[in-house]
């Protein structure tokens, strides 16, 4: 079984992801690591930058999660800037 570090302070996110991955041969280990998030218009770019930074720091494969709130009536605002 392969173990991947899930960088998050939210144990509920880890439990949900572990449930989704159950039976896949992948086990998650929660790592609460503060990563500076870049400002970007695309949540994929934010997640990629954090994953690369986290993997470099931990020297192992990592999983990160990022999300945004996209309101159509506001042209997608606030998007990735919702936090």
N, C-alpha and C. Protein backbone atom coordinates (compact mmCIF):
# COMPACT_ATOMS: atom_id res chain seq x y z
N UNK A 1 0.84 -1.17 0.00
CA UNK A 1 0.00 0.00 0.00
C UNK A 1 0.90 1.25 0.00
N UNK A 2 0.57 2.20 -0.82
CA UNK A 2 1.34 3.44 -0.93
C UNK A 2 0.73 4.51 -0.02
N UNK A 3 1.58 5.26 0.67
CA UNK A 3 1.13 6.33 1.55
C UNK A 3 1.47 7.68 0.93
N UNK A 4 0.48 8.54 0.88
CA UNK A 4 0.65 9.90 0.36
C UNK A 4 0.30 10.89 1.46
N UNK A 5 1.12 11.91 1.60
CA UNK A 5 0.86 12.96 2.59
C UNK A 5 -0.23 13.90 2.06
N UNK A 6 -1.28 14.09 2.85
CA UNK A 6 -2.35 15.03 2.52
C UNK A 6 -2.10 16.26 3.38
N UNK A 7 -1.71 17.35 2.74
CA UNK A 7 -1.38 18.57 3.47
C UNK A 7 -2.65 19.36 3.73
N UNK A 8 -3.09 19.30 4.98
CA UNK A 8 -4.28 20.02 5.41
C UNK A 8 -4.36 19.99 6.93
N UNK A 9 -4.98 20.99 7.48
CA UNK A 9 -5.24 21.00 8.91
C UNK A 9 -6.63 20.44 9.23
N UNK A 10 -7.36 20.03 8.20
CA UNK A 10 -8.74 19.61 8.35
C UNK A 10 -8.84 18.07 8.30
N UNK A 11 -9.01 17.46 9.46
CA UNK A 11 -9.10 16.00 9.54
C UNK A 11 -10.32 15.46 8.79
N UNK A 12 -11.38 16.26 8.69
CA UNK A 12 -12.58 15.80 7.97
C UNK A 12 -12.30 15.66 6.47
N UNK A 13 -11.47 16.56 5.92
CA UNK A 13 -11.09 16.43 4.51
C UNK A 13 -10.31 15.14 4.29
N UNK A 14 -9.43 14.82 5.22
CA UNK A 14 -8.62 13.60 5.10
C UNK A 14 -9.52 12.38 5.15
N UNK A 15 -10.46 12.37 6.07
CA UNK A 15 -11.36 11.22 6.21
C UNK A 15 -12.20 11.05 4.94
N UNK A 16 -12.68 12.15 4.37
CA UNK A 16 -13.48 12.08 3.15
C UNK A 16 -12.64 11.56 1.99
N UNK A 17 -11.44 12.07 1.84
CA UNK A 17 -10.56 11.62 0.75
C UNK A 17 -10.16 10.16 0.95
N UNK A 18 -9.89 9.77 2.19
CA UNK A 18 -9.53 8.37 2.47
C UNK A 18 -10.67 7.43 2.09
N UNK A 19 -11.90 7.86 2.35
CA UNK A 19 -13.07 7.05 1.99
C UNK A 19 -13.14 6.90 0.46
N UNK A 20 -12.92 7.99 -0.24
CA UNK A 20 -12.96 7.94 -1.71
C UNK A 20 -11.87 7.02 -2.25
N UNK A 21 -10.71 7.04 -1.61
CA UNK A 21 -9.57 6.24 -2.07
C UNK A 21 -9.55 4.81 -1.53
N UNK A 22 -10.51 4.48 -0.66
CA UNK A 22 -10.50 3.13 -0.08
C UNK A 22 -10.57 2.09 -1.19
N UNK A 23 -9.76 1.08 -1.07
CA UNK A 23 -9.71 0.03 -2.08
C UNK A 23 -8.77 0.34 -3.23
N UNK A 24 -8.15 1.51 -3.22
CA UNK A 24 -7.26 1.89 -4.33
C UNK A 24 -5.80 1.53 -4.07
N UNK A 25 -5.50 1.12 -2.83
CA UNK A 25 -4.11 0.85 -2.50
C UNK A 25 -3.35 2.08 -2.06
N UNK A 26 -4.08 3.18 -1.85
CA UNK A 26 -3.47 4.44 -1.41
C UNK A 26 -3.97 4.77 -0.01
N UNK A 27 -3.03 5.01 0.87
CA UNK A 27 -3.35 5.42 2.24
C UNK A 27 -2.91 6.87 2.39
N UNK A 28 -3.70 7.68 3.09
CA UNK A 28 -3.36 9.08 3.33
C UNK A 28 -2.84 9.28 4.74
N UNK A 29 -1.87 10.17 4.85
CA UNK A 29 -1.36 10.58 6.16
C UNK A 29 -1.48 12.09 6.23
N UNK A 30 -2.22 12.58 7.22
CA UNK A 30 -2.42 14.01 7.36
C UNK A 30 -1.13 14.69 7.82
N UNK A 31 -0.79 15.77 7.11
CA UNK A 31 0.35 16.60 7.49
C UNK A 31 -0.17 18.03 7.56
N UNK A 32 -0.11 18.61 8.75
CA UNK A 32 -0.57 19.98 8.95
C UNK A 32 0.62 20.90 8.73
N UNK A 33 0.76 21.37 7.50
CA UNK A 33 1.90 22.17 7.09
C UNK A 33 1.38 23.48 6.52
N UNK A 34 1.81 24.59 7.08
CA UNK A 34 1.38 25.90 6.58
C UNK A 34 2.14 26.21 5.29
N UNK A 35 1.42 26.30 4.20
CA UNK A 35 2.01 26.65 2.92
C UNK A 35 1.46 28.00 2.49
N UNK A 36 2.34 28.89 2.09
CA UNK A 36 1.90 30.18 1.58
C UNK A 36 1.24 29.96 0.23
N UNK A 37 -0.01 30.40 0.11
CA UNK A 37 -0.73 30.21 -1.15
C UNK A 37 -0.49 31.40 -2.06
N UNK A 38 -0.11 31.13 -3.30
CA UNK A 38 0.05 32.24 -4.24
C UNK A 38 -1.33 32.80 -4.62
N UNK A 39 -1.37 34.05 -5.00
CA UNK A 39 -2.61 34.65 -5.49
C UNK A 39 -2.70 34.35 -6.98
N UNK A 40 -3.76 33.68 -7.39
CA UNK A 40 -3.94 33.32 -8.79
C UNK A 40 -5.43 33.27 -9.09
N UNK A 41 -5.78 33.46 -10.35
CA UNK A 41 -7.18 33.44 -10.76
C UNK A 41 -7.73 32.04 -10.93
N UNK A 42 -6.88 31.03 -10.88
CA UNK A 42 -7.28 29.65 -11.12
C UNK A 42 -6.92 28.79 -9.91
N UNK A 43 -7.91 28.08 -9.32
CA UNK A 43 -7.62 27.24 -8.15
C UNK A 43 -6.66 26.11 -8.50
N UNK A 44 -6.64 25.69 -9.75
CA UNK A 44 -5.70 24.66 -10.17
C UNK A 44 -4.26 25.14 -10.07
N UNK A 45 -4.04 26.41 -10.44
CA UNK A 45 -2.69 26.97 -10.32
C UNK A 45 -2.26 27.08 -8.87
N UNK A 46 -3.20 27.45 -7.99
CA UNK A 46 -2.91 27.56 -6.55
C UNK A 46 -2.56 26.18 -6.00
N UNK A 47 -3.38 25.18 -6.32
CA UNK A 47 -3.16 23.82 -5.82
C UNK A 47 -1.84 23.26 -6.35
N UNK A 48 -1.53 23.50 -7.62
CA UNK A 48 -0.29 22.99 -8.20
C UNK A 48 0.92 23.61 -7.50
N UNK A 49 0.89 24.92 -7.27
CA UNK A 49 2.01 25.58 -6.60
C UNK A 49 2.20 25.05 -5.18
N UNK A 50 1.10 24.86 -4.47
CA UNK A 50 1.19 24.33 -3.10
C UNK A 50 1.67 22.89 -3.09
N UNK A 51 1.21 22.09 -4.04
CA UNK A 51 1.64 20.69 -4.11
C UNK A 51 3.14 20.60 -4.40
N UNK A 52 3.61 21.41 -5.32
CA UNK A 52 5.04 21.40 -5.64
C UNK A 52 5.87 21.85 -4.45
N UNK A 53 5.40 22.90 -3.76
CA UNK A 53 6.13 23.39 -2.59
C UNK A 53 6.13 22.36 -1.48
N UNK A 54 4.97 21.75 -1.22
CA UNK A 54 4.86 20.74 -0.17
C UNK A 54 5.70 19.51 -0.47
N UNK A 55 5.68 19.05 -1.71
CA UNK A 55 6.47 17.88 -2.09
C UNK A 55 7.96 18.17 -1.95
N UNK A 56 8.35 19.38 -2.28
CA UNK A 56 9.75 19.77 -2.13
C UNK A 56 10.17 19.80 -0.66
N UNK A 57 9.29 20.30 0.18
CA UNK A 57 9.60 20.39 1.61
C UNK A 57 9.64 19.02 2.27
N UNK A 58 8.68 18.16 1.92
CA UNK A 58 8.57 16.84 2.56
C UNK A 58 9.36 15.77 1.83
N UNK A 59 9.76 16.05 0.62
CA UNK A 59 10.50 15.10 -0.21
C UNK A 59 9.73 13.79 -0.40
N UNK A 60 8.47 13.93 -0.70
CA UNK A 60 7.62 12.77 -0.96
C UNK A 60 6.37 13.23 -1.69
N UNK A 61 5.60 12.30 -2.27
CA UNK A 61 4.35 12.68 -2.94
C UNK A 61 3.36 13.29 -1.95
N UNK A 62 2.63 14.29 -2.40
CA UNK A 62 1.65 14.95 -1.55
C UNK A 62 0.35 15.16 -2.30
N UNK A 63 -0.67 15.40 -1.52
CA UNK A 63 -1.99 15.76 -2.03
C UNK A 63 -2.38 17.06 -1.34
N UNK A 64 -2.87 18.01 -2.11
CA UNK A 64 -3.41 19.24 -1.54
C UNK A 64 -4.80 19.46 -2.14
N UNK A 65 -5.57 20.29 -1.51
CA UNK A 65 -6.91 20.58 -2.00
C UNK A 65 -7.11 22.08 -1.89
N UNK A 66 -7.69 22.67 -2.93
CA UNK A 66 -8.01 24.09 -2.90
C UNK A 66 -9.36 24.26 -3.56
N UNK A 67 -10.09 25.25 -3.13
CA UNK A 67 -11.41 25.47 -3.71
C UNK A 67 -11.69 26.97 -3.76
N UNK A 68 -12.77 27.31 -4.38
CA UNK A 68 -13.19 28.70 -4.46
C UNK A 68 -14.70 28.77 -4.52
N UNK A 69 -15.20 29.97 -4.40
CA UNK A 69 -16.64 30.22 -4.49
C UNK A 69 -16.86 31.06 -5.74
N UNK A 70 -17.49 30.47 -6.75
CA UNK A 70 -17.67 31.14 -8.03
C UNK A 70 -19.15 31.48 -8.20
N UNK A 71 -19.48 32.77 -8.15
CA UNK A 71 -20.86 33.25 -8.25
C UNK A 71 -21.08 33.79 -9.66
N UNK A 72 -21.94 33.11 -10.42
CA UNK A 72 -22.18 33.48 -11.82
C UNK A 72 -22.65 34.93 -11.95
N UNK A 73 -23.57 35.35 -11.07
CA UNK A 73 -24.11 36.72 -11.14
C UNK A 73 -23.04 37.78 -10.90
N UNK A 74 -21.92 37.37 -10.33
CA UNK A 74 -20.82 38.31 -10.07
C UNK A 74 -19.64 38.05 -10.99
N UNK A 75 -19.91 37.39 -12.12
CA UNK A 75 -18.83 37.12 -13.07
C UNK A 75 -17.78 36.17 -12.54
N UNK A 76 -18.19 35.26 -11.65
CA UNK A 76 -17.26 34.29 -11.09
C UNK A 76 -16.57 34.74 -9.81
N UNK A 77 -16.78 36.01 -9.44
CA UNK A 77 -16.19 36.53 -8.20
C UNK A 77 -16.87 35.90 -7.00
N UNK A 78 -16.20 35.64 -5.91
CA UNK A 78 -14.81 35.91 -5.62
C UNK A 78 -13.84 34.82 -6.10
N UNK A 79 -14.36 33.71 -6.62
CA UNK A 79 -13.50 32.66 -7.17
C UNK A 79 -12.50 32.15 -6.15
N UNK A 80 -11.22 32.06 -6.53
CA UNK A 80 -10.20 31.53 -5.63
C UNK A 80 -9.85 32.48 -4.48
N UNK A 81 -10.41 33.70 -4.53
CA UNK A 81 -10.11 34.69 -3.49
C UNK A 81 -11.15 34.68 -2.37
N UNK A 82 -11.97 33.64 -2.30
CA UNK A 82 -13.09 33.60 -1.35
C UNK A 82 -12.66 33.54 0.10
N UNK A 83 -11.48 33.04 0.39
CA UNK A 83 -11.07 32.94 1.79
C UNK A 83 -10.72 34.30 2.34
